[in-house]
Amino acid sequence: MPTRIKPKRQFAICLRAEDADLLTPRRIYEVLPDESAAKSQYIRVIDDEGEDYVYPASYFVLVDFPPAVEQALSQAS
């Protein structure tokens, strides 16, 4: 049976937010794949309420962390 390659987790740092209950500036958020949202310049993140929702991509900057940091973030969430 072929082995499935686990997709690399992607993270973003929030730069600004319209609703302080849903997003916190300077906080790290996990980004979920959403091609439809990306076409409209939005990204899907898991917000402060633990729900995945689309937000303007301009609210975030995508970041690449070293594997050890990604692992620590994965264990913390």
PDB file of N, CA and C in Angstrom:
ATOM      1  N   MET A   1       0.836  -1.168   0.000  1.00  0.00           N
ATOM      2  CA  MET A   1       0.000   0.000   0.000  1.00  0.00           C
ATOM      3  C   MET A   1       0.890   1.243   0.000  1.00  0.00           C
ATOM      4  N   PRO A   2       0.608   2.239  -0.863  1.00  0.00           N
ATOM      5  CA  PRO A   2       1.440   3.437  -0.928  1.00  0.00           C
ATOM      6  C   PRO A   2       1.318   4.261   0.355  1.00  0.00           C
ATOM      7  N   THR A   3       2.411   4.864   0.719  1.00  0.00           N
ATOM      8  CA  THR A   3       2.443   5.718   1.902  1.00  0.00           C
ATOM      9  C   THR A   3       1.993   7.123   1.525  1.00  0.00           C
ATOM     10  N   ARG A   4       1.069   7.688   2.302  1.00  0.00           N
ATOM     11  CA  ARG A   4       0.617   9.051   2.044  1.00  0.00           C
ATOM     12  C   ARG A   4       1.606  10.023   2.668  1.00  0.00           C
ATOM     13  N   ILE A   5       1.954  11.024   1.896  1.00  0.00           N
ATOM     14  CA  ILE A   5       2.855  12.055   2.394  1.00  0.00           C
ATOM     15  C   ILE A   5       2.009  13.077   3.144  1.00  0.00           C
ATOM     16  N   LYS A   6       2.377  13.315   4.391  1.00  0.00           N
ATOM     17  CA  LYS A   6       1.650  14.275   5.206  1.00  0.00           C
ATOM     18  C   LYS A   6       2.002  15.681   4.733  1.00  0.00           C
ATOM     19  N   PRO A   7       0.976  16.506   4.418  1.00  0.00           N
ATOM     20  CA  PRO A   7       1.284  17.858   3.951  1.00  0.00           C
ATOM     21  C   PRO A   7       1.946  18.685   5.051  1.00  0.00           C
ATOM     22  N   LYS A   8       2.828  19.565   4.627  1.00  0.00           N
ATOM     23  CA  LYS A   8       3.535  20.434   5.568  1.00  0.00           C
ATOM     24  C   LYS A   8       2.538  21.417   6.161  1.00  0.00           C
ATOM     25  N   ARG A   9       2.582  21.569   7.465  1.00  0.00           N
ATOM     26  CA  ARG A   9       1.692  22.527   8.118  1.00  0.00           C
ATOM     27  C   ARG A   9       2.176  23.930   7.812  1.00  0.00           C
ATOM     28  N   GLN A  10       1.247  24.832   7.665  1.00  0.00           N
ATOM     29  CA  GLN A  10       1.587  26.213   7.341  1.00  0.00           C
ATOM     30  C   GLN A  10       1.063  27.118   8.450  1.00  0.00           C
ATOM     31  N   PHE A  11       1.853  28.149   8.751  1.00  0.00           N
ATOM     32  CA  PHE A  11       1.506  29.079   9.819  1.00  0.00           C
ATOM     33  C   PHE A  11       1.595  30.505   9.313  1.00  0.00           C
ATOM     34  N   ALA A  12       0.855  31.390   9.996  1.00  0.00           N
ATOM     35  CA  ALA A  12       0.872  32.809   9.650  1.00  0.00           C
ATOM     36  C   ALA A  12       0.814  33.615  10.944  1.00  0.00           C
ATOM     37  N   ILE A  13       1.389  34.801  10.886  1.00  0.00           N
ATOM     38  CA  ILE A  13       1.314  35.728  12.003  1.00  0.00           C
ATOM     39  C   ILE A  13       0.306  36.809  11.636  1.00  0.00           C
ATOM     40  N   CYS A  14      -0.617  37.064  12.558  1.00  0.00           N
ATOM     41  CA  CYS A  14      -1.634  38.084  12.333  1.00  0.00           C
ATOM     42  C   CYS A  14      -1.003  39.471  12.466  1.00  0.00           C
ATOM     43  N   LEU A  15      -1.248  40.319  11.499  1.00  0.00           N
ATOM     44  CA  LEU A  15      -0.732  41.687  11.524  1.00  0.00           C
ATOM     45  C   LEU A  15      -1.784  42.679  12.014  1.00  0.00           C
ATOM     46  N   ARG A  16      -3.052  42.394  11.701  1.00  0.00           N
ATOM     47  CA  ARG A  16      -4.137  43.277  12.112  1.00  0.00           C
ATOM     48  C   ARG A  16      -5.419  42.482  12.196  1.00  0.00           C
ATOM     49  N   ALA A  17      -6.395  43.034  12.906  1.00  0.00           N
ATOM     50  CA  ALA A  17      -7.669  42.346  13.060  1.00  0.00           C
ATOM     51  C   ALA A  17      -8.787  43.362  13.228  1.00  0.00           C
ATOM     52  N   GLU A  18      -9.917  43.067  12.631  1.00  0.00           N
ATOM     53  CA  GLU A  18     -11.098  43.920  12.779  1.00  0.00           C
ATOM     54  C   GLU A  18     -11.870  43.550  14.045  1.00  0.00           C
ATOM     55  N   ASP A  19     -11.816  42.282  14.444  1.00  0.00           N
ATOM     56  CA  ASP A  19     -12.555  41.793  15.604  1.00  0.00           C
ATOM     57  C   ASP A  19     -11.581  41.162  16.589  1.00  0.00           C
ATOM     58  N   ALA A  20     -11.358  41.840  17.717  1.00  0.00           N
ATOM     59  CA  ALA A  20     -10.374  41.374  18.709  1.00  0.00           C
ATOM     60  C   ALA A  20     -10.780  40.055  19.361  1.00  0.00           C
ATOM     61  N   ASP A  21     -12.039  39.650  19.256  1.00  0.00           N
ATOM     62  CA  ASP A  21     -12.468  38.379  19.825  1.00  0.00           C
ATOM     63  C   ASP A  21     -12.084  37.190  18.950  1.00  0.00           C
ATOM     64  N   LEU A  22     -11.799  37.454  17.666  1.00  0.00           N
ATOM     65  CA  LEU A  22     -11.520  36.366  16.734  1.00  0.00           C
ATOM     66  C   LEU A  22     -10.048  36.244  16.361  1.00  0.00           C
ATOM     67  N   LEU A  23      -9.352  37.371  16.273  1.00  0.00           N
ATOM     68  CA  LEU A  23      -7.934  37.373  15.891  1.00  0.00           C
ATOM     69  C   LEU A  23      -7.168  38.310  16.830  1.00  0.00           C
ATOM     70  N   THR A  24      -5.925  37.953  17.091  1.00  0.00           N
ATOM     71  CA  THR A  24      -5.065  38.758  17.942  1.00  0.00           C
ATOM     72  C   THR A  24      -3.809  39.126  17.160  1.00  0.00           C
ATOM     73  N   PRO A  25      -3.547  40.411  16.954  1.00  0.00           N
ATOM     74  CA  PRO A  25      -2.318  40.803  16.262  1.00  0.00           C
ATOM     75  C   PRO A  25      -1.081  40.230  16.967  1.00  0.00           C
ATOM     76  N   ARG A  26      -0.096  39.841  16.169  1.00  0.00           N
ATOM     77  CA  ARG A  26       1.182  39.258  16.582  1.00  0.00           C
ATOM     78  C   ARG A  26       1.058  37.806  17.059  1.00  0.00           C
ATOM     79  N   ARG A  27      -0.112  37.219  16.957  1.00  0.00           N
ATOM     80  CA  ARG A  27      -0.301  35.820  17.337  1.00  0.00           C
ATOM     81  C   ARG A  27      -0.090  34.924  16.116  1.00  0.00           C
ATOM     82  N   ILE A  28       0.379  33.702  16.346  1.00  0.00           N
ATOM     83  CA  ILE A  28       0.605  32.718  15.288  1.00  0.00           C
ATOM     84  C   ILE A  28      -0.663  31.894  15.103  1.00  0.00           C
ATOM     85  N   TYR A  29      -1.069  31.732  13.850  1.00  0.00           N
ATOM     86  CA  TYR A  29      -2.253  30.948  13.511  1.00  0.00           C
ATOM     87  C   TYR A  29      -1.889  29.862  12.514  1.00  0.00           C
ATOM     88  N   GLU A  30      -2.560  28.721  12.649  1.00  0.00           N
ATOM     89  CA  GLU A  30      -2.380  27.662  11.660  1.00  0.00           C
ATOM     90  C   GLU A  30      -3.254  27.967  10.454  1.00  0.00           C
ATOM     91  N   VAL A  31      -2.674  27.823   9.274  1.00  0.00           N
ATOM     92  CA  VAL A  31      -3.375  28.069   8.021  1.00  0.00           C
ATOM     93  C   VAL A  31      -3.824  26.727   7.449  1.00  0.00           C
ATOM     94  N   LEU A  32      -5.078  26.663   7.031  1.00  0.00           N
ATOM     95  CA  LEU A  32      -5.612  25.457   6.410  1.00  0.00           C
ATOM     96  C   LEU A  32      -5.714  25.670   4.899  1.00  0.00           C
ATOM     97  N   PRO A  33      -5.469  24.640   4.119  1.00  0.00           N
ATOM     98  CA  PRO A  33      -5.549  24.783   2.665  1.00  0.00           C
ATOM     99  C   PRO A  33      -6.971  25.136   2.227  1.00  0.00           C
ATOM    100  N   ASP A  34      -7.086  26.114   1.348  1.00  0.00           N
ATOM    101  CA  ASP A  34      -8.385  26.502   0.784  1.00  0.00           C
ATOM    102  C   ASP A  34      -8.126  27.251  -0.515  1.00  0.00           C
ATOM    103  N   GLU A  35      -8.113  26.502  -1.618  1.00  0.00           N
ATOM    104  CA  GLU A  35      -7.804  27.097  -2.922  1.00  0.00           C
ATOM    105  C   GLU A  35      -8.829  28.149  -3.335  1.00  0.00           C
ATOM    106  N   SER A  36     -10.084  27.916  -3.016  1.00  0.00           N
ATOM    107  CA  SER A  36     -11.133  28.863  -3.370  1.00  0.00           C
ATOM    108  C   SER A  36     -10.922  30.204  -2.664  1.00  0.00           C
ATOM    109  N   ALA A  37     -10.599  30.166  -1.382  1.00  0.00           N
ATOM    110  CA  ALA A  37     -10.337  31.392  -0.624  1.00  0.00           C
ATOM    111  C   ALA A  37      -9.103  32.104  -1.175  1.00  0.00           C
ATOM    112  N   ALA A  38      -8.074  31.346  -1.508  1.00  0.00           N
ATOM    113  CA  ALA A  38      -6.834  31.933  -2.017  1.00  0.00           C
ATOM    114  C   ALA A  38      -7.065  32.690  -3.320  1.00  0.00           C
ATOM    115  N   LYS A  39      -7.956  32.189  -4.152  1.00  0.00           N
ATOM    116  CA  LYS A  39      -8.253  32.873  -5.414  1.00  0.00           C
ATOM    117  C   LYS A  39      -8.869  34.248  -5.178  1.00  0.00           C
ATOM    118  N   SER A  40      -9.514  34.425  -4.026  1.00  0.00           N
ATOM    119  CA  SER A  40     -10.140  35.702  -3.676  1.00  0.00           C
ATOM    120  C   SER A  40      -9.288  36.518  -2.705  1.00  0.00           C
ATOM    121  N   GLN A  41      -8.027  36.123  -2.548  1.00  0.00           N
ATOM    122  CA  GLN A  41      -7.070  36.782  -1.661  1.00  0.00           C
ATOM    123  C   GLN A  41      -7.490  36.719  -0.190  1.00  0.00           C
ATOM    124  N   TYR A  42      -7.990  35.546   0.193  1.00  0.00           N
ATOM    125  CA  TYR A  42      -8.309  35.241   1.578  1.00  0.00           C
ATOM    126  C   TYR A  42      -7.518  34.004   1.973  1.00  0.00           C
ATOM    127  N   ILE A  43      -7.356  33.805   3.280  1.00  0.00           N
ATOM    128  CA  ILE A  43      -6.773  32.557   3.766  1.00  0.00           C
ATOM    129  C   ILE A  43      -7.667  32.021   4.873  1.00  0.00           C
ATOM    130  N   ARG A  44      -7.647  30.709   5.029  1.00  0.00           N
ATOM    131  CA  ARG A  44      -8.436  30.053   6.075  1.00  0.00           C
ATOM    132  C   ARG A  44      -7.512  29.748   7.247  1.00  0.00           C
ATOM    133  N   VAL A  45      -7.863  30.265   8.419  1.00  0.00           N
ATOM    134  CA  VAL A  45      -7.066  30.021   9.619  1.00  0.00           C
ATOM    135  C   VAL A  45      -7.973  29.505  10.731  1.00  0.00           C
ATOM    136  N   ILE A  46      -7.367  28.903  11.729  1.00  0.00           N
ATOM    137  CA  ILE A  46      -8.094  28.523  12.938  1.00  0.00           C
ATOM    138  C   ILE A  46      -8.005  29.722  13.869  1.00  0.00           C
ATOM    139  N   ASP A  47      -9.147  30.360  14.114  1.00  0.00           N
ATOM    140  CA  ASP A  47      -9.147  31.621  14.861  1.00  0.00           C
ATOM    141  C   ASP A  47      -9.145  31.389  16.374  1.00  0.00           C
ATOM    142  N   ASP A  48      -9.293  32.487  17.131  1.00  0.00           N
ATOM    143  CA  ASP A  48      -9.212  32.422  18.588  1.00  0.00           C
ATOM    144  C   ASP A  48     -10.352  31.619  19.220  1.00  0.00           C
ATOM    145  N   GLU A  49     -11.441  31.418  18.488  1.00  0.00           N
ATOM    146  CA  GLU A  49     -12.541  30.608  18.998  1.00  0.00           C
ATOM    147  C   GLU A  49     -12.358  29.130  18.654  1.00  0.00           C
ATOM    148  N   GLY A  50     -11.244  28.800  17.969  1.00  0.00           N
ATOM    149  CA  GLY A  50     -10.969  27.419  17.593  1.00  0.00           C
ATOM    150  C   GLY A  50     -11.684  26.971  16.341  1.00  0.00           C
ATOM    151  N   GLU A  51     -12.303  27.906  15.647  1.00  0.00           N
ATOM    152  CA  GLU A  51     -13.022  27.612  14.410  1.00  0.00           C
ATOM    153  C   GLU A  51     -12.177  27.989  13.206  1.00  0.00           C
ATOM    154  N   ASP A  52     -12.329  27.234  12.110  1.00  0.00           N
ATOM    155  CA  ASP A  52     -11.633  27.651  10.888  1.00  0.00           C
ATOM    156  C   ASP A  52     -12.552  28.599  10.133  1.00  0.00           C
ATOM    157  N   TYR A  53     -11.965  29.703   9.670  1.00  0.00           N
ATOM    158  CA  TYR A  53     -12.731  30.752   9.012  1.00  0.00           C
ATOM    159  C   TYR A  53     -11.806  31.465   8.034  1.00  0.00           C
ATOM    160  N   VAL A  54     -12.384  32.083   7.007  1.00  0.00           N
ATOM    161  CA  VAL A  54     -11.563  32.813   6.047  1.00  0.00           C
ATOM    162  C   VAL A  54     -11.466  34.285   6.450  1.00  0.00           C
ATOM    163  N   TYR A  55     -10.266  34.808   6.290  1.00  0.00           N
ATOM    164  CA  TYR A  55      -9.966  36.210   6.580  1.00  0.00           C
ATOM    165  C   TYR A  55      -9.151  36.769   5.424  1.00  0.00           C
ATOM    166  N   PRO A  56      -9.157  38.086   5.255  1.00  0.00           N
ATOM    167  CA  PRO A  56      -8.318  38.673   4.200  1.00  0.00           C
ATOM    168  C   PRO A  56      -6.845  38.290   4.402  1.00  0.00           C
ATOM    169  N   ALA A  57      -6.206  37.881   3.335  1.00  0.00           N
ATOM    170  CA  ALA A  57      -4.792  37.500   3.403  1.00  0.00           C
ATOM    171  C   ALA A  57      -3.931  38.675   3.867  1.00  0.00           C
ATOM    172  N   SER A  58      -4.385  39.895   3.626  1.00  0.00           N
ATOM    173  CA  SER A  58      -3.612  41.073   4.033  1.00  0.00           C
ATOM    174  C   SER A  58      -3.517  41.218   5.548  1.00  0.00           C
ATOM    175  N   TYR A  59      -4.316  40.482   6.298  1.00  0.00           N
ATOM    176  CA  TYR A  59      -4.254  40.515   7.765  1.00  0.00           C
ATOM    177  C   TYR A  59      -3.071  39.710   8.295  1.00  0.00           C
ATOM    178  N   PHE A  60      -2.421  38.925   7.432  1.00  0.00           N
ATOM    179  CA  PHE A  60      -1.414  37.960   7.873  1.00  0.00           C
ATOM    180  C   PHE A  60      -0.149  38.021   7.037  1.00  0.00           C
ATOM    181  N   VAL A  61       0.919  37.494   7.610  1.00  0.00           N
ATOM    182  CA  VAL A  61       2.139  37.216   6.860  1.00  0.00           C
ATOM    183  C   VAL A  61       2.451  35.735   7.101  1.00  0.00           C
ATOM    184  N   LEU A  62       2.626  34.993   6.005  1.00  0.00           N
ATOM    185  CA  LEU A  62       2.961  33.576   6.106  1.00  0.00           C
ATOM    186  C   LEU A  62       4.402  33.428   6.566  1.00  0.00           C
ATOM    187  N   VAL A  63       4.645  32.451   7.429  1.00  0.00           N
ATOM    188  CA  VAL A  63       5.994  32.242   7.962  1.00  0.00           C
ATOM    189  C   VAL A  63       6.373  30.773   7.847  1.00  0.00           C
ATOM    190  N   ASP A  64       7.657  30.525   7.636  1.00  0.00           N
ATOM    191  CA  ASP A  64       8.226  29.183   7.656  1.00  0.00           C
ATOM    192  C   ASP A  64       9.090  29.071   8.898  1.00  0.00           C
ATOM    193  N   PHE A  65       8.774  28.099   9.724  1.00  0.00           N
ATOM    194  CA  PHE A  65       9.553  27.860  10.933  1.00  0.00           C
ATOM    195  C   PHE A  65      10.432  26.635  10.737  1.00  0.00           C
ATOM    196  N   PRO A  66      11.522  26.539  11.494  1.00  0.00           N
ATOM    197  CA  PRO A  66      12.324  25.311  11.472  1.00  0.00           C
ATOM    198  C   PRO A  66      11.453  24.141  11.961  1.00  0.00           C
ATOM    199  N   PRO A  67      11.774  22.924  11.546  1.00  0.00           N
ATOM    200  CA  PRO A  67      10.966  21.759  11.931  1.00  0.00           C
ATOM    201  C   PRO A  67      10.726  21.633  13.441  1.00  0.00           C
ATOM    202  N   ALA A  68      11.714  21.936  14.251  1.00  0.00           N
ATOM    203  CA  ALA A  68      11.545  21.822  15.706  1.00  0.00           C
ATOM    204  C   ALA A  68      10.478  22.791  16.223  1.00  0.00           C
ATOM    205  N   VAL A  69      10.422  23.984  15.655  1.00  0.00           N
ATOM    206  CA  VAL A  69       9.415  24.967  16.055  1.00  0.00           C
ATOM    207  C   VAL A  69       8.032  24.506  15.596  1.00  0.00           C
ATOM    208  N   GLU A  70       7.928  24.014  14.364  1.00  0.00           N
ATOM    209  CA  GLU A  70       6.645  23.512  13.862  1.00  0.00           C
ATOM    210  C   GLU A  70       6.136  22.367  14.732  1.00  0.00           C
ATOM    211  N   GLN A  71       7.025  21.498  15.143  1.00  0.00           N
ATOM    212  CA  GLN A  71       6.641  20.378  16.000  1.00  0.00           C
ATOM    213  C   GLN A  71       6.134  20.898  17.346  1.00  0.00           C
ATOM    214  N   ALA A  72       6.823  21.870  17.917  1.00  0.00           N
ATOM    215  CA  ALA A  72       6.390  22.440  19.200  1.00  0.00           C
ATOM    216  C   ALA A  72       5.031  23.132  19.053  1.00  0.00           C
ATOM    217  N   LEU A  73       4.815  23.843  17.957  1.00  0.00           N
ATOM    218  CA  LEU A  73       3.524  24.481  17.732  1.00  0.00           C
ATOM    219  C   LEU A  73       2.416  23.444  17.569  1.00  0.00           C
ATOM    220  N   SER A  74       2.709  22.355  16.903  1.00  0.00           N
ATOM    221  CA  SER A  74       1.728  21.305  16.701  1.00  0.00           C
ATOM    222  C   SER A  74       1.337  20.653  18.028  1.00  0.00           C
ATOM    223  N   GLN A  75       2.294  20.483  18.896  1.00  0.00           N
ATOM    224  CA  GLN A  75       2.022  19.859  20.193  1.00  0.00           C
ATOM    225  C   GLN A  75       1.290  20.811  21.131  1.00  0.00           C
ATOM    226  N   ALA A  76       1.489  22.110  20.942  1.00  0.00           N
ATOM    227  CA  ALA A  76       0.857  23.099  21.806  1.00  0.00           C
ATOM    228  C   ALA A  76      -0.599  23.314  21.445  1.00  0.00           C
ATOM    229  N   SER A  77      -0.975  22.990  20.204  1.00  0.00           N
ATOM    230  CA  SER A  77      -2.363  23.262  19.792  1.00  0.00           C
ATOM    231  C   SER A  77      -3.276  22.091  19.997  1.00  0.00           C
TER     232      SER A  77
END
